[in-house]
Amino acid sequence: MNYIPIPLLRDIIQKVGKQGFRYLGPFVAAGPVFKEMVFSEAVLREVDLDEFLFNGDIASVFSIYRPFLLRCLASKNPIAQFVESVRLLTLLGPSQERLDLLGDAACYSIYARYAYGLFLICCGGVEEGEEVLAHFVDKISNFHRAVMIAEQVETFGFYYFKSVPPCRLRHATAPYCCEHCFAYTYASRMRGMC
């Protein structure tokens, strides 16, 4: 087995990348042919970048992984679009280009859909944002899971949310918001960043 056909090798690299971007490192180190395959648009578009969500430090501007994230962004990887759009929205403020980038990612990620709805509300698109968040809540199996995802997005680590007092509309216990104040509660937190 001295020779593996290039299309088969490309397919193997693509499947390895779907398991996590770190698994592509040995292929990059193996030589220019493999490196070229790793950096192909097809591989970068589908590589698993979930680690960038849950470890915000590797998404920072000073990270050694930043060039790889930007290559994935250029290849329209949905997670790269989400991470970079939220970073830019929180750092530089709202713009249509940044919202569009986040909106593109919202089709592929429930986390991005949630963030997109909130940023729409914060940018003045209240009706559109509430519609996106209502769709987000409908996609989730129950409301408590929606709250859990919202809390998880806040702890991703590449931006900061200010705390907001709990909702007193219809309840005083956990979860601290209800279906009626879900958009308000999290949009208020997001507003502190914009």
N, C-alpha and C. Protein backbone atom coordinates (compact mmCIF):
# COMPACT_ATOMS: atom_id res chain seq x y z
N MET A 1 0.84 -1.17 0.00
CA MET A 1 0.00 0.00 0.00
C MET A 1 0.89 1.24 0.00
N ASN A 2 1.59 1.44 -1.08
CA ASN A 2 2.49 2.58 -1.20
C ASN A 2 1.77 3.84 -1.66
N TYR A 3 0.59 3.68 -2.25
CA TYR A 3 -0.06 4.83 -2.85
C TYR A 3 -1.54 4.84 -2.49
N ILE A 4 -2.00 5.94 -1.93
CA ILE A 4 -3.43 6.13 -1.66
C ILE A 4 -3.90 7.19 -2.65
N PRO A 5 -4.95 6.91 -3.41
CA PRO A 5 -5.44 7.90 -4.37
C PRO A 5 -5.79 9.23 -3.69
N ILE A 6 -5.46 10.32 -4.35
CA ILE A 6 -5.66 11.66 -3.79
C ILE A 6 -7.12 11.91 -3.39
N PRO A 7 -8.12 11.56 -4.21
CA PRO A 7 -9.50 11.79 -3.77
C PRO A 7 -9.85 11.05 -2.47
N LEU A 8 -9.35 9.84 -2.33
CA LEU A 8 -9.59 9.08 -1.10
C LEU A 8 -8.89 9.74 0.08
N LEU A 9 -7.68 10.19 -0.13
CA LEU A 9 -6.92 10.86 0.92
C LEU A 9 -7.62 12.16 1.34
N ARG A 10 -8.12 12.90 0.37
CA ARG A 10 -8.84 14.14 0.66
C ARG A 10 -10.09 13.85 1.49
N ASP A 11 -10.78 12.76 1.14
CA ASP A 11 -11.97 12.36 1.89
C ASP A 11 -11.62 11.96 3.32
N ILE A 12 -10.51 11.26 3.49
CA ILE A 12 -10.06 10.86 4.83
C ILE A 12 -9.75 12.10 5.67
N ILE A 13 -9.05 13.05 5.09
CA ILE A 13 -8.70 14.28 5.82
C ILE A 13 -9.96 15.05 6.20
N GLN A 14 -10.91 15.10 5.30
CA GLN A 14 -12.16 15.80 5.59
C GLN A 14 -12.91 15.14 6.75
N LYS A 15 -12.95 13.82 6.77
CA LYS A 15 -13.62 13.10 7.86
C LYS A 15 -12.88 13.26 9.18
N VAL A 16 -11.57 13.28 9.14
CA VAL A 16 -10.78 13.50 10.35
C VAL A 16 -11.06 14.91 10.89
N GLY A 17 -11.13 15.89 10.00
CA GLY A 17 -11.41 17.27 10.41
C GLY A 17 -12.77 17.43 11.06
N LYS A 18 -13.72 16.61 10.68
CA LYS A 18 -15.05 16.68 11.30
C LYS A 18 -15.04 16.20 12.74
N GLN A 19 -13.97 15.52 13.14
CA GLN A 19 -13.84 15.07 14.53
C GLN A 19 -13.22 16.15 15.42
N GLY A 20 -12.57 17.11 14.82
CA GLY A 20 -11.94 18.19 15.58
C GLY A 20 -10.77 18.77 14.82
N PHE A 21 -10.60 20.07 14.90
CA PHE A 21 -9.56 20.71 14.10
C PHE A 21 -8.15 20.31 14.53
N ARG A 22 -7.97 19.95 15.79
CA ARG A 22 -6.63 19.58 16.26
C ARG A 22 -6.12 18.29 15.61
N TYR A 23 -7.02 17.44 15.17
CA TYR A 23 -6.61 16.19 14.53
C TYR A 23 -5.98 16.43 13.16
N LEU A 24 -6.12 17.63 12.63
CA LEU A 24 -5.53 17.94 11.32
C LEU A 24 -4.05 18.32 11.43
N GLY A 25 -3.57 18.58 12.63
CA GLY A 25 -2.18 18.98 12.84
C GLY A 25 -1.16 18.04 12.25
N PRO A 26 -1.27 16.72 12.48
CA PRO A 26 -0.29 15.81 11.89
C PRO A 26 -0.27 15.84 10.36
N PHE A 27 -1.41 16.10 9.75
CA PHE A 27 -1.45 16.18 8.28
C PHE A 27 -0.72 17.44 7.80
N VAL A 28 -0.87 18.54 8.52
CA VAL A 28 -0.17 19.77 8.16
C VAL A 28 1.33 19.56 8.26
N ALA A 29 1.76 18.84 9.30
CA ALA A 29 3.18 18.60 9.53
C ALA A 29 3.76 17.56 8.58
N ALA A 30 2.90 16.78 7.91
CA ALA A 30 3.38 15.68 7.06
C ALA A 30 3.97 16.13 5.74
N GLY A 31 3.75 17.37 5.37
CA GLY A 31 4.34 17.84 4.12
C GLY A 31 3.40 18.74 3.35
N PRO A 32 3.91 19.35 2.28
CA PRO A 32 3.14 20.35 1.54
C PRO A 32 1.89 19.79 0.85
N VAL A 33 1.93 18.56 0.40
CA VAL A 33 0.76 17.98 -0.28
C VAL A 33 -0.38 17.82 0.71
N PHE A 34 -0.06 17.30 1.89
CA PHE A 34 -1.08 17.12 2.91
C PHE A 34 -1.57 18.47 3.44
N LYS A 35 -0.65 19.39 3.60
CA LYS A 35 -1.00 20.73 4.09
C LYS A 35 -1.98 21.40 3.13
N GLU A 36 -1.72 21.25 1.85
CA GLU A 36 -2.61 21.83 0.84
C GLU A 36 -4.01 21.23 0.93
N MET A 37 -4.08 19.92 1.19
CA MET A 37 -5.38 19.27 1.33
C MET A 37 -6.11 19.75 2.58
N VAL A 38 -5.38 19.92 3.68
CA VAL A 38 -5.99 20.40 4.92
C VAL A 38 -6.56 21.80 4.72
N PHE A 39 -5.82 22.64 4.02
CA PHE A 39 -6.26 24.02 3.83
C PHE A 39 -7.16 24.20 2.61
N SER A 40 -7.67 23.11 2.07
CA SER A 40 -8.62 23.23 0.96
C SER A 40 -9.95 23.76 1.51
N GLU A 41 -10.68 24.43 0.66
CA GLU A 41 -11.95 25.04 1.08
C GLU A 41 -12.94 24.00 1.60
N ALA A 42 -12.99 22.85 0.98
CA ALA A 42 -13.94 21.80 1.39
C ALA A 42 -13.66 21.32 2.81
N VAL A 43 -12.40 21.16 3.16
CA VAL A 43 -12.05 20.69 4.51
C VAL A 43 -12.31 21.80 5.53
N LEU A 44 -11.88 23.02 5.24
CA LEU A 44 -12.03 24.12 6.18
C LEU A 44 -13.49 24.49 6.41
N ARG A 45 -14.33 24.32 5.42
CA ARG A 45 -15.75 24.65 5.56
C ARG A 45 -16.44 23.71 6.54
N GLU A 46 -15.97 22.46 6.62
CA GLU A 46 -16.66 21.47 7.44
C GLU A 46 -15.89 21.03 8.68
N VAL A 47 -14.71 21.59 8.92
CA VAL A 47 -13.93 21.18 10.09
C VAL A 47 -14.69 21.56 11.37
N ASP A 48 -14.57 20.72 12.38
CA ASP A 48 -15.24 20.95 13.65
C ASP A 48 -14.45 21.97 14.47
N LEU A 49 -15.08 23.12 14.73
CA LEU A 49 -14.43 24.19 15.48
C LEU A 49 -15.12 24.44 16.83
N ASP A 50 -15.83 23.45 17.35
CA ASP A 50 -16.56 23.64 18.61
C ASP A 50 -15.65 24.07 19.75
N GLU A 51 -14.40 23.67 19.69
CA GLU A 51 -13.47 24.07 20.75
C GLU A 51 -13.32 25.59 20.82
N PHE A 52 -13.48 26.28 19.69
CA PHE A 52 -13.41 27.73 19.69
C PHE A 52 -14.58 28.34 20.45
N LEU A 53 -15.71 27.63 20.49
CA LEU A 53 -16.86 28.11 21.25
C LEU A 53 -16.63 27.98 22.74
N PHE A 54 -16.18 26.82 23.15
CA PHE A 54 -16.12 26.51 24.57
C PHE A 54 -14.80 26.93 25.22
N ASN A 55 -13.84 27.36 24.43
CA ASN A 55 -12.58 27.88 24.96
C ASN A 55 -12.28 29.18 24.21
N GLY A 56 -12.85 30.26 24.71
CA GLY A 56 -12.75 31.55 24.04
C GLY A 56 -11.34 32.07 23.87
N ASP A 57 -10.41 31.60 24.70
CA ASP A 57 -9.03 32.08 24.59
C ASP A 57 -8.40 31.73 23.24
N ILE A 58 -8.75 30.59 22.67
CA ILE A 58 -8.13 30.23 21.39
C ILE A 58 -8.75 30.99 20.22
N ALA A 59 -9.85 31.71 20.48
CA ALA A 59 -10.45 32.54 19.44
C ALA A 59 -9.96 33.98 19.49
N SER A 60 -9.15 34.31 20.49
CA SER A 60 -8.71 35.69 20.64
C SER A 60 -7.73 36.09 19.54
N VAL A 61 -7.56 37.38 19.40
CA VAL A 61 -6.68 37.93 18.36
C VAL A 61 -5.23 37.49 18.55
N PHE A 62 -4.84 37.23 19.79
CA PHE A 62 -3.45 36.90 20.09
C PHE A 62 -3.19 35.40 20.08
N SER A 63 -4.17 34.60 19.78
CA SER A 63 -4.03 33.15 19.81
C SER A 63 -3.23 32.65 18.60
N ILE A 64 -2.48 31.58 18.82
CA ILE A 64 -1.74 30.98 17.70
C ILE A 64 -2.69 30.29 16.72
N TYR A 65 -3.93 30.06 17.13
CA TYR A 65 -4.92 29.41 16.27
C TYR A 65 -5.70 30.42 15.43
N ARG A 66 -5.49 31.70 15.65
CA ARG A 66 -6.23 32.74 14.94
C ARG A 66 -6.10 32.63 13.41
N PRO A 67 -4.91 32.45 12.84
CA PRO A 67 -4.82 32.33 11.38
C PRO A 67 -5.66 31.17 10.84
N PHE A 68 -5.70 30.06 11.57
CA PHE A 68 -6.51 28.93 11.13
C PHE A 68 -7.99 29.29 11.17
N LEU A 69 -8.43 29.97 12.23
CA LEU A 69 -9.82 30.40 12.33
C LEU A 69 -10.18 31.33 11.17
N LEU A 70 -9.28 32.23 10.82
CA LEU A 70 -9.55 33.15 9.71
C LEU A 70 -9.62 32.43 8.37
N ARG A 71 -8.81 31.39 8.19
CA ARG A 71 -8.92 30.59 6.96
C ARG A 71 -10.27 29.89 6.90
N CYS A 72 -10.71 29.38 8.05
CA CYS A 72 -12.02 28.73 8.11
C CYS A 72 -13.13 29.74 7.84
N LEU A 73 -12.96 30.95 8.34
CA LEU A 73 -13.93 32.02 8.10
C LEU A 73 -14.01 32.34 6.60
N ALA A 74 -12.87 32.41 5.94
CA ALA A 74 -12.84 32.67 4.50
C ALA A 74 -13.50 31.55 3.71
N SER A 75 -13.51 30.33 4.28
CA SER A 75 -14.15 29.19 3.63
C SER A 75 -15.61 29.04 4.04
N LYS A 76 -16.13 30.01 4.81
CA LYS A 76 -17.53 30.06 5.24
C LYS A 76 -17.91 28.94 6.20
N ASN A 77 -17.00 28.59 7.10
CA ASN A 77 -17.31 27.64 8.16
C ASN A 77 -18.29 28.32 9.12
N PRO A 78 -19.45 27.70 9.41
CA PRO A 78 -20.47 28.35 10.25
C PRO A 78 -19.99 28.70 11.66
N ILE A 79 -19.20 27.85 12.28
CA ILE A 79 -18.73 28.15 13.63
C ILE A 79 -17.73 29.31 13.59
N ALA A 80 -16.88 29.34 12.58
CA ALA A 80 -15.95 30.47 12.44
C ALA A 80 -16.72 31.77 12.21
N GLN A 81 -17.79 31.71 11.41
CA GLN A 81 -18.62 32.89 11.19
C GLN A 81 -19.24 33.36 12.50
N PHE A 82 -19.74 32.42 13.29
CA PHE A 82 -20.36 32.76 14.57
C PHE A 82 -19.35 33.40 15.52
N VAL A 83 -18.22 32.75 15.71
CA VAL A 83 -17.21 33.24 16.65
C VAL A 83 -16.73 34.63 16.23
N GLU A 84 -16.40 34.80 14.98
CA GLU A 84 -15.85 36.07 14.52
C GLU A 84 -16.90 37.18 14.52
N SER A 85 -18.13 36.86 14.12
CA SER A 85 -19.16 37.90 14.10
C SER A 85 -19.48 38.38 15.51
N VAL A 86 -19.58 37.47 16.47
CA VAL A 86 -19.86 37.89 17.85
C VAL A 86 -18.67 38.67 18.42
N ARG A 87 -17.46 38.24 18.09
CA ARG A 87 -16.28 38.98 18.55
C ARG A 87 -16.31 40.41 18.02
N LEU A 88 -16.61 40.56 16.73
CA LEU A 88 -16.65 41.89 16.13
C LEU A 88 -17.83 42.72 16.63
N LEU A 89 -18.98 42.09 16.80
CA LEU A 89 -20.15 42.82 17.31
C LEU A 89 -19.92 43.33 18.72
N THR A 90 -19.28 42.54 19.55
CA THR A 90 -19.05 42.97 20.93
C THR A 90 -17.87 43.93 21.03
N LEU A 91 -16.92 43.82 20.14
CA LEU A 91 -15.73 44.68 20.20
C LEU A 91 -15.96 46.02 19.50
N LEU A 92 -16.53 45.97 18.30
CA LEU A 92 -16.66 47.18 17.48
C LEU A 92 -18.07 47.73 17.41
N GLY A 93 -19.04 46.99 17.92
CA GLY A 93 -20.42 47.43 17.87
C GLY A 93 -21.14 46.91 16.64
N PRO A 94 -22.43 47.19 16.57
CA PRO A 94 -23.24 46.63 15.50
C PRO A 94 -22.98 47.26 14.13
N SER A 95 -23.09 46.44 13.12
CA SER A 95 -23.09 46.89 11.73
C SER A 95 -23.85 45.84 10.92
N GLN A 96 -24.34 46.24 9.78
CA GLN A 96 -25.12 45.31 8.96
C GLN A 96 -24.27 44.13 8.49
N GLU A 97 -23.02 44.40 8.16
CA GLU A 97 -22.11 43.34 7.70
C GLU A 97 -21.90 42.29 8.79
N ARG A 98 -21.71 42.74 10.02
CA ARG A 98 -21.50 41.80 11.13
C ARG A 98 -22.77 41.02 11.45
N LEU A 99 -23.91 41.69 11.40
CA LEU A 99 -25.18 41.00 11.62
C LEU A 99 -25.44 39.96 10.53
N ASP A 100 -25.11 40.31 9.29
CA ASP A 100 -25.29 39.36 8.19
C ASP A 100 -24.41 38.13 8.37
N LEU A 101 -23.19 38.33 8.83
CA LEU A 101 -22.27 37.22 9.08
C LEU A 101 -22.84 36.30 10.16
N LEU A 102 -23.37 36.89 11.23
CA LEU A 102 -23.99 36.09 12.29
C LEU A 102 -25.26 35.42 11.79
N GLY A 103 -26.02 36.11 10.95
CA GLY A 103 -27.23 35.52 10.38
C GLY A 103 -26.94 34.32 9.50
N ASP A 104 -25.84 34.36 8.77
CA ASP A 104 -25.44 33.20 7.95
C ASP A 104 -25.17 31.99 8.83
N ALA A 105 -24.54 32.21 9.97
CA ALA A 105 -24.23 31.11 10.89
C ALA A 105 -25.46 30.61 11.62
N ALA A 106 -26.48 31.45 11.77
CA ALA A 106 -27.68 31.08 12.52
C ALA A 106 -28.44 29.92 11.90
N CYS A 107 -28.25 29.70 10.62
CA CYS A 107 -28.91 28.57 9.95
C CYS A 107 -28.33 27.23 10.38
N TYR A 108 -27.09 27.23 10.86
CA TYR A 108 -26.38 25.99 11.14
C TYR A 108 -26.18 25.70 12.63
N SER A 109 -26.33 26.70 13.47
CA SER A 109 -26.02 26.53 14.89
C SER A 109 -27.12 27.13 15.75
N ILE A 110 -27.60 26.35 16.71
CA ILE A 110 -28.62 26.85 17.63
C ILE A 110 -28.06 27.97 18.50
N TYR A 111 -26.77 27.90 18.81
CA TYR A 111 -26.12 28.97 19.58
C TYR A 111 -26.12 30.27 18.77
N ALA A 112 -25.79 30.16 17.49
CA ALA A 112 -25.76 31.34 16.63
C ALA A 112 -27.15 31.91 16.43
N ARG A 113 -28.16 31.05 16.35
CA ARG A 113 -29.53 31.52 16.19
C ARG A 113 -29.94 32.35 17.40
N TYR A 114 -29.60 31.86 18.58
CA TYR A 114 -29.91 32.60 19.81
C TYR A 114 -29.21 33.97 19.81
N ALA A 115 -27.91 33.98 19.53
CA ALA A 115 -27.15 35.23 19.54
C ALA A 115 -27.66 36.20 18.46
N TYR A 116 -28.04 35.67 17.31
CA TYR A 116 -28.54 36.51 16.23
C TYR A 116 -29.82 37.23 16.65
N GLY A 117 -30.73 36.50 17.28
CA GLY A 117 -31.97 37.12 17.76
C GLY A 117 -31.69 38.23 18.75
N LEU A 118 -30.77 37.99 19.67
CA LEU A 118 -30.45 39.01 20.67
C LEU A 118 -29.79 40.23 20.04
N PHE A 119 -28.86 40.01 19.14
CA PHE A 119 -28.20 41.16 18.52
C PHE A 119 -29.17 41.95 17.65
N LEU A 120 -30.13 41.29 17.02
CA LEU A 120 -31.14 42.02 16.27
C LEU A 120 -31.93 42.95 17.19
N ILE A 121 -32.31 42.43 18.35
CA ILE A 121 -33.04 43.26 19.32
C ILE A 121 -32.18 44.43 19.76
N CYS A 122 -30.94 44.17 20.08
CA CYS A 122 -30.03 45.23 20.55
C CYS A 122 -29.76 46.27 19.48
N CYS A 123 -29.87 45.89 18.23
CA CYS A 123 -29.60 46.82 17.13
C CYS A 123 -30.85 47.53 16.63
N GLY A 124 -31.98 47.30 17.31
CA GLY A 124 -33.20 48.00 16.95
C GLY A 124 -34.20 47.19 16.17
N GLY A 125 -33.86 46.00 15.76
CA GLY A 125 -34.79 45.13 15.04
C GLY A 125 -35.56 44.26 16.02
N VAL A 126 -36.38 44.91 16.86
CA VAL A 126 -37.04 44.21 17.97
C VAL A 126 -37.97 43.12 17.45
N GLU A 127 -38.81 43.44 16.49
CA GLU A 127 -39.77 42.43 15.99
C GLU A 127 -39.05 41.26 15.34
N GLU A 128 -38.05 41.55 14.52
CA GLU A 128 -37.29 40.48 13.86
C GLU A 128 -36.54 39.64 14.89
N GLY A 129 -35.95 40.30 15.87
CA GLY A 129 -35.22 39.58 16.91
C GLY A 129 -36.12 38.69 17.74
N GLU A 130 -37.30 39.20 18.10
CA GLU A 130 -38.24 38.38 18.86
C GLU A 130 -38.73 37.19 18.03
N GLU A 131 -38.89 37.41 16.73
CA GLU A 131 -39.29 36.31 15.85
C GLU A 131 -38.21 35.23 15.80
N VAL A 132 -36.95 35.64 15.68
CA VAL A 132 -35.84 34.68 15.67
C VAL A 132 -35.76 33.93 16.99
N LEU A 133 -35.92 34.65 18.11
CA LEU A 133 -35.87 34.00 19.42
C LEU A 133 -37.06 33.07 19.64
N ALA A 134 -38.23 33.45 19.13
CA ALA A 134 -39.39 32.56 19.24
C ALA A 134 -39.13 31.28 18.45
N HIS A 135 -38.53 31.41 17.28
CA HIS A 135 -38.17 30.23 16.49
C HIS A 135 -37.12 29.40 17.22
N PHE A 136 -36.17 30.07 17.86
CA PHE A 136 -35.14 29.39 18.66
C PHE A 136 -35.79 28.56 19.77
N VAL A 137 -36.72 29.16 20.51
CA VAL A 137 -37.39 28.46 21.61
C VAL A 137 -38.24 27.31 21.07
N ASP A 138 -38.88 27.51 19.91
CA ASP A 138 -39.69 26.44 19.31
C ASP A 138 -38.83 25.25 18.88
N LYS A 139 -37.60 25.51 18.44
CA LYS A 139 -36.71 24.43 17.98
C LYS A 139 -36.21 23.57 19.14
N ILE A 140 -36.21 24.13 20.34
CA ILE A 140 -35.71 23.43 21.52
C ILE A 140 -36.84 22.60 22.11
N SER A 141 -36.48 21.48 22.72
CA SER A 141 -37.49 20.56 23.25
C SER A 141 -38.30 21.15 24.39
N ASN A 142 -37.68 21.95 25.24
CA ASN A 142 -38.43 22.61 26.31
C ASN A 142 -37.77 23.93 26.69
N PHE A 143 -38.52 24.74 27.42
CA PHE A 143 -38.04 26.08 27.74
C PHE A 143 -36.80 26.06 28.63
N HIS A 144 -36.72 25.13 29.56
CA HIS A 144 -35.55 25.06 30.44
C HIS A 144 -34.28 24.80 29.63
N ARG A 145 -34.39 24.03 28.57
CA ARG A 145 -33.22 23.78 27.72
C ARG A 145 -32.83 25.07 26.98
N ALA A 146 -33.82 25.86 26.57
CA ALA A 146 -33.53 27.14 25.91
C ALA A 146 -32.77 28.06 26.87
N VAL A 147 -33.19 28.09 28.13
CA VAL A 147 -32.48 28.91 29.13
C VAL A 147 -31.07 28.39 29.32
N MET A 148 -30.91 27.07 29.33
CA MET A 148 -29.59 26.47 29.50
C MET A 148 -28.66 26.87 28.35
N ILE A 149 -29.16 26.83 27.12
CA ILE A 149 -28.36 27.23 25.96
C ILE A 149 -28.00 28.71 26.04
N ALA A 150 -28.96 29.53 26.45
CA ALA A 150 -28.69 30.97 26.59
C ALA A 150 -27.59 31.21 27.63
N GLU A 151 -27.66 30.51 28.74
CA GLU A 151 -26.62 30.65 29.77
C GLU A 151 -25.28 30.14 29.24
N GLN A 152 -25.32 29.08 28.46
CA GLN A 152 -24.09 28.51 27.92
C GLN A 152 -23.42 29.49 26.96
N VAL A 153 -24.20 30.14 26.12
CA VAL A 153 -23.64 31.12 25.19
C VAL A 153 -22.96 32.24 25.96
N GLU A 154 -23.54 32.63 27.09
CA GLU A 154 -22.95 33.70 27.88
C GLU A 154 -21.61 33.31 28.48
N THR A 155 -21.37 32.03 28.65
CA THR A 155 -20.13 31.59 29.28
C THR A 155 -19.10 31.09 28.27
N PHE A 156 -19.31 31.31 26.99
CA PHE A 156 -18.35 30.83 25.99
C PHE A 156 -16.97 31.43 26.19
N GLY A 157 -16.89 32.64 26.70
CA GLY A 157 -15.58 33.16 27.06
C GLY A 157 -15.00 34.20 26.13
N PHE A 158 -15.62 34.49 24.98
CA PHE A 158 -15.02 35.51 24.14
C PHE A 158 -15.77 36.83 24.16
N TYR A 159 -16.66 37.00 25.11
CA TYR A 159 -17.30 38.28 25.36
C TYR A 159 -17.87 38.31 26.76
N TYR A 160 -18.36 39.46 27.18
CA TYR A 160 -18.77 39.67 28.56
C TYR A 160 -20.21 40.14 28.60
N PHE A 161 -20.99 39.56 29.46
CA PHE A 161 -22.37 39.97 29.67
C PHE A 161 -22.50 40.61 31.05
N LYS A 162 -23.23 41.71 31.13
CA LYS A 162 -23.54 42.28 32.44
C LYS A 162 -24.73 41.53 33.01
N SER A 163 -24.78 41.44 34.33
CA SER A 163 -25.89 40.72 34.95
C SER A 163 -27.13 41.60 34.97
N VAL A 164 -28.28 40.97 34.97
CA VAL A 164 -29.56 41.66 35.01
C VAL A 164 -30.37 41.01 36.12
N PRO A 165 -31.18 41.78 36.84
CA PRO A 165 -31.96 41.16 37.91
C PRO A 165 -32.97 40.16 37.36
N PRO A 166 -33.36 39.17 38.17
CA PRO A 166 -34.30 38.17 37.69
C PRO A 166 -35.68 38.76 37.41
N CYS A 167 -36.41 38.10 36.54
CA CYS A 167 -37.76 38.52 36.19
C CYS A 167 -38.68 38.34 37.39
N ARG A 168 -39.53 39.32 37.64
CA ARG A 168 -40.51 39.23 38.72
C ARG A 168 -41.93 39.23 38.14
N LEU A 169 -42.04 39.00 36.85
CA LEU A 169 -43.34 39.08 36.19
C LEU A 169 -44.31 38.03 36.69
N ARG A 170 -43.94 36.77 36.64
CA ARG A 170 -44.85 35.69 37.03
C ARG A 170 -44.21 34.68 37.97
N HIS A 171 -42.99 34.89 38.33
CA HIS A 171 -42.30 33.88 39.12
C HIS A 171 -41.17 34.53 39.91
N ALA A 172 -40.74 33.83 40.91
CA ALA A 172 -39.63 34.33 41.72
C ALA A 172 -38.57 33.25 41.92
N THR A 173 -38.71 32.15 41.22
CA THR A 173 -37.77 31.04 41.38
C THR A 173 -37.14 30.70 40.05
N ALA A 174 -36.26 29.72 40.06
CA ALA A 174 -35.56 29.30 38.84
C ALA A 174 -36.53 28.65 37.88
N PRO A 175 -36.36 28.78 36.59
CA PRO A 175 -35.40 29.70 35.99
C PRO A 175 -35.84 31.13 36.22
N TYR A 176 -34.91 32.03 36.23
CA TYR A 176 -35.21 33.40 36.61
C TYR A 176 -35.86 34.20 35.49
N CYS A 177 -36.22 33.55 34.40
CA CYS A 177 -36.99 34.22 33.37
C CYS A 177 -38.06 33.25 32.87
N CYS A 178 -39.04 33.78 32.18
CA CYS A 178 -40.12 32.95 31.67
C CYS A 178 -40.25 33.18 30.17
N GLU A 179 -41.22 32.51 29.56
CA GLU A 179 -41.42 32.67 28.11
C GLU A 179 -41.72 34.11 27.74
N HIS A 180 -42.35 34.84 28.66
CA HIS A 180 -42.75 36.22 28.38
C HIS A 180 -41.58 37.20 28.43
N CYS A 181 -40.58 36.89 29.24
CA CYS A 181 -39.48 37.84 29.39
C CYS A 181 -38.15 37.28 28.89
N PHE A 182 -38.17 36.15 28.20
CA PHE A 182 -36.93 35.53 27.71
C PHE A 182 -36.13 36.50 26.86
N ALA A 183 -36.77 37.08 25.85
CA ALA A 183 -36.06 38.01 24.96
C ALA A 183 -35.57 39.23 25.73
N TYR A 184 -36.41 39.78 26.60
CA TYR A 184 -36.01 40.96 27.36
C TYR A 184 -34.83 40.68 28.27
N THR A 185 -34.89 39.58 29.00
CA THR A 185 -33.84 39.26 29.97
C THR A 185 -32.48 39.17 29.30
N TYR A 186 -32.40 38.38 28.24
CA TYR A 186 -31.10 38.17 27.61
C TYR A 186 -30.68 39.35 26.73
N ALA A 187 -31.65 40.06 26.15
CA ALA A 187 -31.30 41.25 25.38
C ALA A 187 -30.75 42.33 26.30
N SER A 188 -31.27 42.40 27.52
CA SER A 188 -30.75 43.37 28.49
C SER A 188 -29.30 43.06 28.83
N ARG A 189 -28.99 41.79 28.96
CA ARG A 189 -27.61 41.40 29.23
C ARG A 189 -26.71 41.73 28.05
N MET A 190 -27.20 41.43 26.85
CA MET A 190 -26.42 41.67 25.64
C MET A 190 -26.21 43.17 25.43
N ARG A 191 -27.19 43.98 25.81
CA ARG A 191 -27.13 45.42 25.58
C ARG A 191 -25.89 46.04 26.22
N GLY A 192 -25.45 45.48 27.33
CA GLY A 192 -24.27 46.00 28.01
C GLY A 192 -23.01 45.90 27.17
N MET A 193 -23.02 45.03 26.16
CA MET A 193 -21.83 44.85 25.32
C MET A 193 -21.86 45.74 24.10
N CYS A 194 -23.03 46.11 23.65
CA CYS A 194 -23.16 46.84 22.37
C CYS A 194 -22.83 48.31 22.51
